[in-house]
């Protein structure tokens, strides 16, 4: 090898080596991104499983109809309903807590939102529309205006779709 070609060969070697390192880095990023997406999809699926868990059936069975009943009550009867039906009120809160956790997980990018929205959009919108009066009563009862505000954000976001 001539002395004149040596710098060019060094340069080509550096370029090829750097390109290989860059390609390996990009591949590693792709793999990490795919793994991250898979984790988010699994987290969304875990929420679906949690929602459909047979142990949660009793809660869902009680809470949905109770919210519809609560929605139709005159304002002066709402606090009484909550006091007289503590078990049902607790079931409603349990359901709302799951949806609140889902909202927080979506905001923190821990759950695949598209997958979650496909399953939960109707549930979130319906529960917010039917449960808004219950939530407002609960906020007043607890003196906590931030109660279920994350769920409210998710309702606003998804109801506009």
N, C-alpha and C. Protein backbone atom coordinates (compact mmCIF):
# COMPACT_ATOMS: atom_id res chain seq x y z
N UNK A 1 0.85 -1.16 0.00
CA UNK A 1 0.00 0.00 0.00
C UNK A 1 0.90 1.22 0.00
N UNK A 2 0.57 2.13 -0.88
CA UNK A 2 1.40 3.32 -1.00
C UNK A 2 1.07 4.31 0.10
N UNK A 3 2.03 5.15 0.38
CA UNK A 3 1.87 6.18 1.40
C UNK A 3 0.75 7.16 1.05
N UNK A 4 0.49 7.36 -0.22
CA UNK A 4 -0.56 8.30 -0.65
C UNK A 4 -1.95 7.74 -0.34
N UNK A 5 -2.13 6.44 -0.42
CA UNK A 5 -3.45 5.84 -0.23
C UNK A 5 -3.77 5.61 1.24
N UNK A 6 -2.75 5.62 2.09
CA UNK A 6 -2.96 5.32 3.50
C UNK A 6 -3.96 6.27 4.16
N UNK A 7 -3.90 7.60 4.02
CA UNK A 7 -4.90 8.48 4.65
C UNK A 7 -6.32 8.20 4.13
N UNK A 8 -6.45 7.91 2.85
CA UNK A 8 -7.77 7.63 2.29
C UNK A 8 -8.33 6.33 2.87
N UNK A 9 -7.48 5.33 3.04
CA UNK A 9 -7.93 4.06 3.60
C UNK A 9 -8.31 4.24 5.07
N UNK A 10 -7.53 5.01 5.81
CA UNK A 10 -7.88 5.34 7.19
C UNK A 10 -9.23 6.03 7.26
N UNK A 11 -9.40 7.00 6.40
CA UNK A 11 -10.65 7.76 6.37
C UNK A 11 -11.83 6.83 6.06
N UNK A 12 -11.68 5.98 5.07
CA UNK A 12 -12.75 5.04 4.70
C UNK A 12 -13.03 4.09 5.86
N UNK A 13 -11.99 3.63 6.53
CA UNK A 13 -12.16 2.74 7.69
C UNK A 13 -12.92 3.42 8.80
N UNK A 14 -12.59 4.68 9.06
CA UNK A 14 -13.29 5.44 10.11
C UNK A 14 -14.75 5.63 9.73
N UNK A 15 -15.02 5.98 8.47
CA UNK A 15 -16.39 6.19 8.02
C UNK A 15 -17.20 4.90 8.11
N UNK A 16 -16.62 3.79 7.66
CA UNK A 16 -17.33 2.51 7.71
C UNK A 16 -17.56 2.09 9.16
N UNK A 17 -16.57 2.23 9.99
CA UNK A 17 -16.72 1.88 11.41
C UNK A 17 -17.75 2.75 12.10
N UNK A 18 -17.72 4.04 11.85
CA UNK A 18 -18.69 4.96 12.44
C UNK A 18 -20.10 4.65 11.94
N UNK A 19 -20.21 4.35 10.67
CA UNK A 19 -21.52 4.01 10.10
C UNK A 19 -22.07 2.74 10.74
N UNK A 20 -21.21 1.77 10.94
CA UNK A 20 -21.66 0.52 11.57
C UNK A 20 -22.11 0.79 13.01
N UNK A 21 -21.36 1.61 13.73
CA UNK A 21 -21.74 1.95 15.10
C UNK A 21 -23.06 2.71 15.14
N UNK A 22 -23.23 3.65 14.21
CA UNK A 22 -24.47 4.42 14.14
C UNK A 22 -25.65 3.51 13.80
N UNK A 23 -25.46 2.59 12.88
CA UNK A 23 -26.51 1.65 12.51
C UNK A 23 -26.88 0.76 13.70
N UNK A 24 -25.90 0.30 14.44
CA UNK A 24 -26.16 -0.52 15.63
C UNK A 24 -26.95 0.28 16.67
N UNK A 25 -26.60 1.56 16.83
CA UNK A 25 -27.30 2.43 17.77
C UNK A 25 -28.76 2.62 17.36
N UNK A 26 -28.99 2.88 16.08
CA UNK A 26 -30.36 3.07 15.57
C UNK A 26 -31.17 1.79 15.74
N UNK A 27 -30.56 0.64 15.45
CA UNK A 27 -31.26 -0.64 15.65
C UNK A 27 -31.62 -0.85 17.12
N UNK A 28 -30.71 -0.50 18.00
CA UNK A 28 -30.98 -0.63 19.44
C UNK A 28 -32.14 0.27 19.84
N UNK A 29 -32.19 1.48 19.30
CA UNK A 29 -33.31 2.39 19.58
C UNK A 29 -34.62 1.82 19.07
N UNK A 30 -34.60 1.25 17.88
CA UNK A 30 -35.81 0.63 17.32
C UNK A 30 -36.30 -0.51 18.22
N UNK A 31 -35.38 -1.32 18.68
CA UNK A 31 -35.74 -2.44 19.54
C UNK A 31 -36.33 -1.93 20.85
N UNK A 32 -35.70 -0.92 21.43
CA UNK A 32 -36.21 -0.35 22.69
C UNK A 32 -37.59 0.26 22.49
N UNK A 33 -37.77 0.94 21.37
CA UNK A 33 -39.07 1.55 21.07
C UNK A 33 -40.13 0.47 20.92
N UNK A 34 -39.83 -0.61 20.23
CA UNK A 34 -40.78 -1.70 20.05
C UNK A 34 -41.10 -2.37 21.39
N UNK A 35 -40.08 -2.53 22.23
CA UNK A 35 -40.30 -3.12 23.56
C UNK A 35 -41.17 -2.20 24.41
N UNK A 36 -40.93 -0.91 24.34
CA UNK A 36 -41.71 0.07 25.09
C UNK A 36 -43.18 0.03 24.66
N UNK A 37 -43.41 -0.05 23.34
CA UNK A 37 -44.78 -0.13 22.83
C UNK A 37 -45.46 -1.40 23.29
N UNK A 38 -44.72 -2.49 23.31
CA UNK A 38 -45.27 -3.77 23.76
C UNK A 38 -45.67 -3.69 25.24
N UNK A 39 -44.85 -3.04 26.05
CA UNK A 39 -45.16 -2.88 27.47
C UNK A 39 -46.42 -2.03 27.64
N UNK A 40 -46.55 -0.98 26.85
CA UNK A 40 -47.73 -0.12 26.93
C UNK A 40 -48.99 -0.87 26.49
N UNK A 41 -48.87 -1.71 25.47
CA UNK A 41 -50.02 -2.51 25.03
C UNK A 41 -50.42 -3.50 26.12
N UNK A 42 -49.44 -4.11 26.76
CA UNK A 42 -49.73 -5.06 27.84
C UNK A 42 -50.41 -4.34 29.01
N UNK A 43 -49.96 -3.13 29.31
CA UNK A 43 -50.58 -2.37 30.40
C UNK A 43 -52.04 -2.06 30.07
N UNK A 44 -52.32 -1.71 28.82
CA UNK A 44 -53.71 -1.44 28.41
C UNK A 44 -54.54 -2.72 28.53
N UNK A 45 -53.96 -3.82 28.10
CA UNK A 45 -54.66 -5.10 28.20
C UNK A 45 -54.91 -5.48 29.67
N UNK A 46 -53.98 -5.14 30.55
CA UNK A 46 -54.17 -5.40 31.98
C UNK A 46 -55.37 -4.63 32.52
N UNK A 47 -55.58 -3.40 32.05
CA UNK A 47 -56.76 -2.64 32.47
C UNK A 47 -58.04 -3.32 31.99
N UNK A 48 -58.02 -3.84 30.76
CA UNK A 48 -59.18 -4.56 30.23
C UNK A 48 -59.45 -5.80 31.08
N UNK A 49 -58.42 -6.53 31.42
CA UNK A 49 -58.58 -7.73 32.26
C UNK A 49 -59.11 -7.35 33.63
N UNK A 50 -58.58 -6.28 34.17
CA UNK A 50 -59.04 -5.82 35.49
C UNK A 50 -60.52 -5.46 35.43
N UNK A 51 -60.92 -4.78 34.37
CA UNK A 51 -62.30 -4.36 34.22
C UNK A 51 -63.23 -5.59 34.08
N UNK A 52 -62.77 -6.59 33.33
CA UNK A 52 -63.59 -7.77 33.06
C UNK A 52 -63.39 -8.89 34.07
N UNK A 53 -62.59 -8.68 35.07
CA UNK A 53 -62.33 -9.69 36.08
C UNK A 53 -63.65 -10.11 36.74
N UNK A 54 -63.89 -11.41 36.86
CA UNK A 54 -65.14 -11.87 37.50
C UNK A 54 -65.34 -11.31 38.91
N UNK A 55 -64.26 -11.05 39.62
CA UNK A 55 -64.39 -10.48 40.96
C UNK A 55 -64.89 -9.03 40.92
N UNK A 56 -64.75 -8.39 39.78
CA UNK A 56 -65.19 -7.01 39.62
C UNK A 56 -66.62 -6.96 39.07
N UNK A 57 -67.17 -8.11 38.69
CA UNK A 57 -68.50 -8.17 38.08
C UNK A 57 -69.56 -7.58 39.01
N UNK A 58 -69.52 -7.96 40.27
CA UNK A 58 -70.50 -7.48 41.24
C UNK A 58 -70.48 -5.95 41.32
N UNK A 59 -69.30 -5.40 41.32
CA UNK A 59 -69.14 -3.94 41.37
C UNK A 59 -69.76 -3.30 40.14
N UNK A 60 -69.43 -3.83 38.97
CA UNK A 60 -69.97 -3.28 37.72
C UNK A 60 -71.49 -3.44 37.67
N UNK A 61 -71.97 -4.59 38.10
CA UNK A 61 -73.41 -4.88 38.07
C UNK A 61 -74.19 -3.90 38.95
N UNK A 62 -73.64 -3.54 40.08
CA UNK A 62 -74.32 -2.61 40.99
C UNK A 62 -74.16 -1.15 40.57
N UNK A 63 -72.97 -0.80 40.16
CA UNK A 63 -72.65 0.62 39.96
C UNK A 63 -73.35 1.23 38.75
N UNK A 64 -73.36 0.53 37.63
CA UNK A 64 -73.96 1.10 36.42
C UNK A 64 -75.41 1.50 36.60
N UNK A 65 -76.28 0.56 37.00
CA UNK A 65 -77.69 0.92 37.22
C UNK A 65 -77.88 1.95 38.33
N UNK A 66 -77.04 1.89 39.36
CA UNK A 66 -77.16 2.85 40.46
C UNK A 66 -76.86 4.27 39.98
N UNK A 67 -75.88 4.40 39.08
CA UNK A 67 -75.59 5.73 38.54
C UNK A 67 -76.76 6.28 37.74
N UNK A 68 -77.40 5.42 36.97
CA UNK A 68 -78.58 5.86 36.21
C UNK A 68 -79.69 6.30 37.16
N UNK A 69 -79.89 5.54 38.23
CA UNK A 69 -80.90 5.89 39.23
C UNK A 69 -80.52 7.21 39.90
N UNK A 70 -79.26 7.34 40.26
CA UNK A 70 -78.78 8.56 40.94
C UNK A 70 -78.98 9.78 40.05
N UNK A 71 -78.72 9.61 38.77
CA UNK A 71 -78.82 10.72 37.81
C UNK A 71 -80.23 11.30 37.78
N UNK A 72 -81.22 10.45 37.98
CA UNK A 72 -82.62 10.88 37.91
C UNK A 72 -83.14 11.49 39.21
N UNK A 73 -82.38 11.38 40.28
CA UNK A 73 -82.85 11.90 41.57
C UNK A 73 -82.82 13.42 41.60
N UNK A 74 -83.77 14.02 42.32
CA UNK A 74 -83.67 15.47 42.53
C UNK A 74 -82.46 15.77 43.43
N UNK A 75 -81.92 16.95 43.29
CA UNK A 75 -80.68 17.33 44.01
C UNK A 75 -80.77 17.06 45.51
N UNK A 76 -81.89 17.37 46.11
CA UNK A 76 -82.01 17.23 47.58
C UNK A 76 -81.98 15.77 48.03
N UNK A 77 -82.20 14.81 47.15
CA UNK A 77 -82.18 13.40 47.50
C UNK A 77 -80.82 12.74 47.26
N UNK A 78 -79.92 13.41 46.57
CA UNK A 78 -78.66 12.77 46.18
C UNK A 78 -77.78 12.44 47.39
N UNK A 79 -77.64 13.37 48.31
CA UNK A 79 -76.81 13.09 49.50
C UNK A 79 -77.42 11.97 50.34
N UNK A 80 -78.73 11.96 50.43
CA UNK A 80 -79.42 10.91 51.18
C UNK A 80 -79.18 9.55 50.51
N UNK A 81 -79.25 9.51 49.20
CA UNK A 81 -79.01 8.27 48.47
C UNK A 81 -77.63 7.72 48.81
N UNK A 82 -76.63 8.57 48.80
CA UNK A 82 -75.26 8.13 49.09
C UNK A 82 -75.17 7.62 50.53
N UNK A 83 -75.78 8.33 51.47
CA UNK A 83 -75.74 7.90 52.88
C UNK A 83 -76.48 6.57 53.09
N UNK A 84 -77.60 6.40 52.43
CA UNK A 84 -78.42 5.20 52.63
C UNK A 84 -77.92 3.99 51.85
N UNK A 85 -77.11 4.20 50.86
CA UNK A 85 -76.63 3.12 49.99
C UNK A 85 -75.11 3.10 49.94
N UNK A 86 -74.49 2.99 51.10
CA UNK A 86 -73.02 3.05 51.20
C UNK A 86 -72.34 1.98 50.35
N UNK A 87 -72.86 0.75 50.35
CA UNK A 87 -72.21 -0.31 49.58
C UNK A 87 -72.24 0.00 48.09
N UNK A 88 -73.37 0.46 47.61
CA UNK A 88 -73.48 0.81 46.19
C UNK A 88 -72.61 2.03 45.89
N UNK A 89 -72.59 3.00 46.78
CA UNK A 89 -71.73 4.17 46.59
C UNK A 89 -70.27 3.75 46.52
N UNK A 90 -69.89 2.81 47.37
CA UNK A 90 -68.51 2.29 47.33
C UNK A 90 -68.22 1.56 46.02
N UNK A 91 -69.20 0.83 45.50
CA UNK A 91 -69.02 0.17 44.20
C UNK A 91 -68.81 1.19 43.10
N UNK A 92 -69.58 2.26 43.14
CA UNK A 92 -69.43 3.33 42.14
C UNK A 92 -68.03 3.93 42.24
N UNK A 93 -67.59 4.21 43.45
CA UNK A 93 -66.26 4.78 43.66
C UNK A 93 -65.18 3.82 43.18
N UNK A 94 -65.34 2.52 43.43
CA UNK A 94 -64.37 1.53 42.95
C UNK A 94 -64.25 1.58 41.43
N UNK A 95 -65.38 1.66 40.75
CA UNK A 95 -65.35 1.73 39.28
C UNK A 95 -64.71 3.03 38.81
N UNK A 96 -65.08 4.12 39.44
CA UNK A 96 -64.50 5.40 39.05
C UNK A 96 -63.01 5.44 39.32
N UNK A 97 -62.56 4.77 40.39
CA UNK A 97 -61.13 4.72 40.68
C UNK A 97 -60.35 3.98 39.60
N UNK A 98 -60.93 2.91 39.07
CA UNK A 98 -60.26 2.18 37.97
C UNK A 98 -60.12 3.10 36.76
N UNK A 99 -61.18 3.82 36.44
CA UNK A 99 -61.14 4.72 35.29
C UNK A 99 -60.21 5.90 35.54
N UNK A 100 -60.16 6.37 36.78
CA UNK A 100 -59.22 7.45 37.15
C UNK A 100 -57.78 6.96 36.98
N UNK A 101 -57.50 5.74 37.42
CA UNK A 101 -56.15 5.17 37.27
C UNK A 101 -55.80 5.02 35.79
N UNK A 102 -56.75 4.61 34.99
CA UNK A 102 -56.53 4.50 33.54
C UNK A 102 -56.16 5.86 32.97
N UNK A 103 -56.88 6.89 33.36
CA UNK A 103 -56.60 8.24 32.87
C UNK A 103 -55.19 8.68 33.23
N UNK A 104 -54.80 8.44 34.47
CA UNK A 104 -53.46 8.82 34.91
C UNK A 104 -52.40 8.04 34.14
N UNK A 105 -52.62 6.75 33.95
CA UNK A 105 -51.68 5.91 33.20
C UNK A 105 -51.53 6.41 31.76
N UNK A 106 -52.63 6.84 31.16
CA UNK A 106 -52.56 7.38 29.81
C UNK A 106 -51.79 8.69 29.80
N UNK A 107 -52.07 9.56 30.75
CA UNK A 107 -51.37 10.85 30.82
C UNK A 107 -49.87 10.67 31.03
N UNK A 108 -49.50 9.66 31.76
CA UNK A 108 -48.07 9.39 32.04
C UNK A 108 -47.43 8.52 30.96
N UNK A 109 -48.19 8.23 29.90
CA UNK A 109 -47.73 7.44 28.76
C UNK A 109 -47.27 6.03 29.18
N UNK A 110 -48.01 5.46 30.12
CA UNK A 110 -47.72 4.11 30.58
C UNK A 110 -48.60 3.07 29.90
N UNK A 111 -49.64 3.56 29.21
CA UNK A 111 -50.63 2.71 28.55
C UNK A 111 -50.78 3.16 27.12
N UNK A 112 -50.98 2.21 26.22
CA UNK A 112 -51.24 2.56 24.83
C UNK A 112 -52.64 3.17 24.75
N UNK A 113 -52.69 4.47 24.46
CA UNK A 113 -53.96 5.18 24.49
C UNK A 113 -54.92 4.69 23.41
N UNK A 114 -54.41 4.42 22.23
CA UNK A 114 -55.30 3.98 21.15
C UNK A 114 -56.02 2.68 21.52
N UNK A 115 -55.28 1.73 22.04
CA UNK A 115 -55.88 0.46 22.47
C UNK A 115 -56.88 0.70 23.59
N UNK A 116 -56.49 1.48 24.59
CA UNK A 116 -57.38 1.76 25.73
C UNK A 116 -58.64 2.48 25.26
N UNK A 117 -58.49 3.41 24.35
CA UNK A 117 -59.64 4.16 23.85
C UNK A 117 -60.62 3.24 23.12
N UNK A 118 -60.11 2.29 22.35
CA UNK A 118 -60.99 1.36 21.64
C UNK A 118 -61.89 0.58 22.60
N UNK A 119 -61.36 0.21 23.74
CA UNK A 119 -62.15 -0.56 24.70
C UNK A 119 -62.94 0.34 25.65
N UNK A 120 -62.32 1.40 26.16
CA UNK A 120 -62.89 2.15 27.28
C UNK A 120 -63.61 3.45 26.90
N UNK A 121 -63.54 3.89 25.67
CA UNK A 121 -64.12 5.20 25.33
C UNK A 121 -65.60 5.28 25.72
N UNK A 122 -66.40 4.32 25.29
CA UNK A 122 -67.83 4.34 25.62
C UNK A 122 -68.07 4.25 27.12
N UNK A 123 -67.24 3.48 27.80
CA UNK A 123 -67.36 3.32 29.25
C UNK A 123 -67.06 4.64 29.95
N UNK A 124 -65.96 5.27 29.57
CA UNK A 124 -65.57 6.54 30.20
C UNK A 124 -66.62 7.61 29.94
N UNK A 125 -67.03 7.75 28.69
CA UNK A 125 -68.01 8.79 28.35
C UNK A 125 -69.33 8.52 29.07
N UNK A 126 -69.80 7.28 29.03
CA UNK A 126 -71.06 6.94 29.69
C UNK A 126 -71.01 7.12 31.19
N UNK A 127 -69.93 6.65 31.80
CA UNK A 127 -69.83 6.77 33.25
C UNK A 127 -69.70 8.23 33.68
N UNK A 128 -69.01 9.02 32.90
CA UNK A 128 -68.92 10.44 33.27
C UNK A 128 -70.28 11.11 33.12
N UNK A 129 -70.95 10.88 32.00
CA UNK A 129 -72.25 11.50 31.77
C UNK A 129 -73.27 11.07 32.82
N UNK A 130 -73.28 9.79 33.14
CA UNK A 130 -74.23 9.29 34.15
C UNK A 130 -73.78 9.56 35.57
N UNK A 131 -72.49 9.67 35.78
CA UNK A 131 -71.97 9.80 37.13
C UNK A 131 -71.55 11.18 37.55
N UNK A 132 -71.69 12.16 36.67
CA UNK A 132 -71.23 13.51 37.01
C UNK A 132 -71.91 14.04 38.28
N UNK A 133 -73.20 13.82 38.41
CA UNK A 133 -73.90 14.27 39.61
C UNK A 133 -73.38 13.57 40.86
N UNK A 134 -73.12 12.26 40.74
CA UNK A 134 -72.57 11.52 41.87
C UNK A 134 -71.19 12.07 42.24
N UNK A 135 -70.38 12.32 41.23
CA UNK A 135 -69.03 12.83 41.47
C UNK A 135 -69.09 14.20 42.14
N UNK A 136 -69.96 15.07 41.66
CA UNK A 136 -70.09 16.40 42.27
C UNK A 136 -70.57 16.30 43.71
N UNK A 137 -71.51 15.38 43.97
CA UNK A 137 -71.99 15.16 45.34
C UNK A 137 -70.85 14.64 46.21
N UNK A 138 -70.08 13.71 45.67
CA UNK A 138 -68.95 13.12 46.41
C UNK A 138 -67.88 14.18 46.68
N UNK A 139 -67.61 15.05 45.70
CA UNK A 139 -66.64 16.14 45.90
C UNK A 139 -67.08 17.02 47.06
N UNK A 140 -68.36 17.38 47.06
CA UNK A 140 -68.88 18.25 48.13
C UNK A 140 -68.84 17.53 49.48
N UNK A 141 -69.25 16.27 49.48
CA UNK A 141 -69.27 15.47 50.71
C UNK A 141 -67.87 15.35 51.31
N UNK A 142 -66.86 15.17 50.46
CA UNK A 142 -65.48 14.99 50.91
C UNK A 142 -64.72 16.30 51.04
N UNK A 143 -65.30 17.38 50.52
CA UNK A 143 -64.59 18.66 50.53
C UNK A 143 -63.35 18.62 49.66
N UNK A 144 -63.44 17.87 48.56
CA UNK A 144 -62.29 17.67 47.67
C UNK A 144 -62.70 17.96 46.22
N UNK A 145 -62.49 19.21 45.78
CA UNK A 145 -62.89 19.55 44.41
C UNK A 145 -62.05 18.87 43.33
N UNK A 146 -60.93 18.25 43.71
CA UNK A 146 -60.07 17.57 42.72
C UNK A 146 -60.44 16.10 42.52
N UNK A 147 -61.41 15.62 43.26
CA UNK A 147 -61.81 14.22 43.18
C UNK A 147 -62.25 13.87 41.75
N UNK A 148 -61.61 12.90 41.17
CA UNK A 148 -61.89 12.39 39.82
C UNK A 148 -61.67 13.43 38.71
N UNK A 149 -60.78 14.39 38.95
CA UNK A 149 -60.49 15.37 37.89
C UNK A 149 -59.70 14.76 36.75
N UNK A 150 -58.92 13.74 37.02
CA UNK A 150 -58.16 13.08 35.94
C UNK A 150 -59.12 12.33 35.01
N UNK A 151 -60.13 11.71 35.60
CA UNK A 151 -61.16 11.05 34.80
C UNK A 151 -61.92 12.09 33.97
N UNK A 152 -62.18 13.23 34.56
CA UNK A 152 -62.87 14.30 33.84
C UNK A 152 -62.06 14.75 32.63
N UNK A 153 -60.75 14.86 32.79
CA UNK A 153 -59.87 15.22 31.66
C UNK A 153 -59.98 14.19 30.55
N UNK A 154 -59.99 12.93 30.92
CA UNK A 154 -60.09 11.87 29.92
C UNK A 154 -61.45 11.92 29.22
N UNK A 155 -62.50 12.18 29.97
CA UNK A 155 -63.83 12.32 29.37
C UNK A 155 -63.84 13.46 28.34
N UNK A 156 -63.30 14.60 28.70
CA UNK A 156 -63.27 15.75 27.80
C UNK A 156 -62.48 15.40 26.54
N UNK A 157 -61.34 14.77 26.74
CA UNK A 157 -60.48 14.40 25.59
C UNK A 157 -61.17 13.40 24.67
N UNK A 158 -61.77 12.37 25.25
CA UNK A 158 -62.34 11.30 24.42
C UNK A 158 -63.72 11.64 23.90
N UNK A 159 -64.47 12.49 24.58
CA UNK A 159 -65.82 12.80 24.11
C UNK A 159 -65.78 13.70 22.88
N UNK A 160 -64.65 14.35 22.66
CA UNK A 160 -64.52 15.23 21.48
C UNK A 160 -64.09 14.47 20.24
N UNK A 161 -63.83 13.16 20.36
CA UNK A 161 -63.38 12.36 19.22
C UNK A 161 -64.54 11.84 18.41
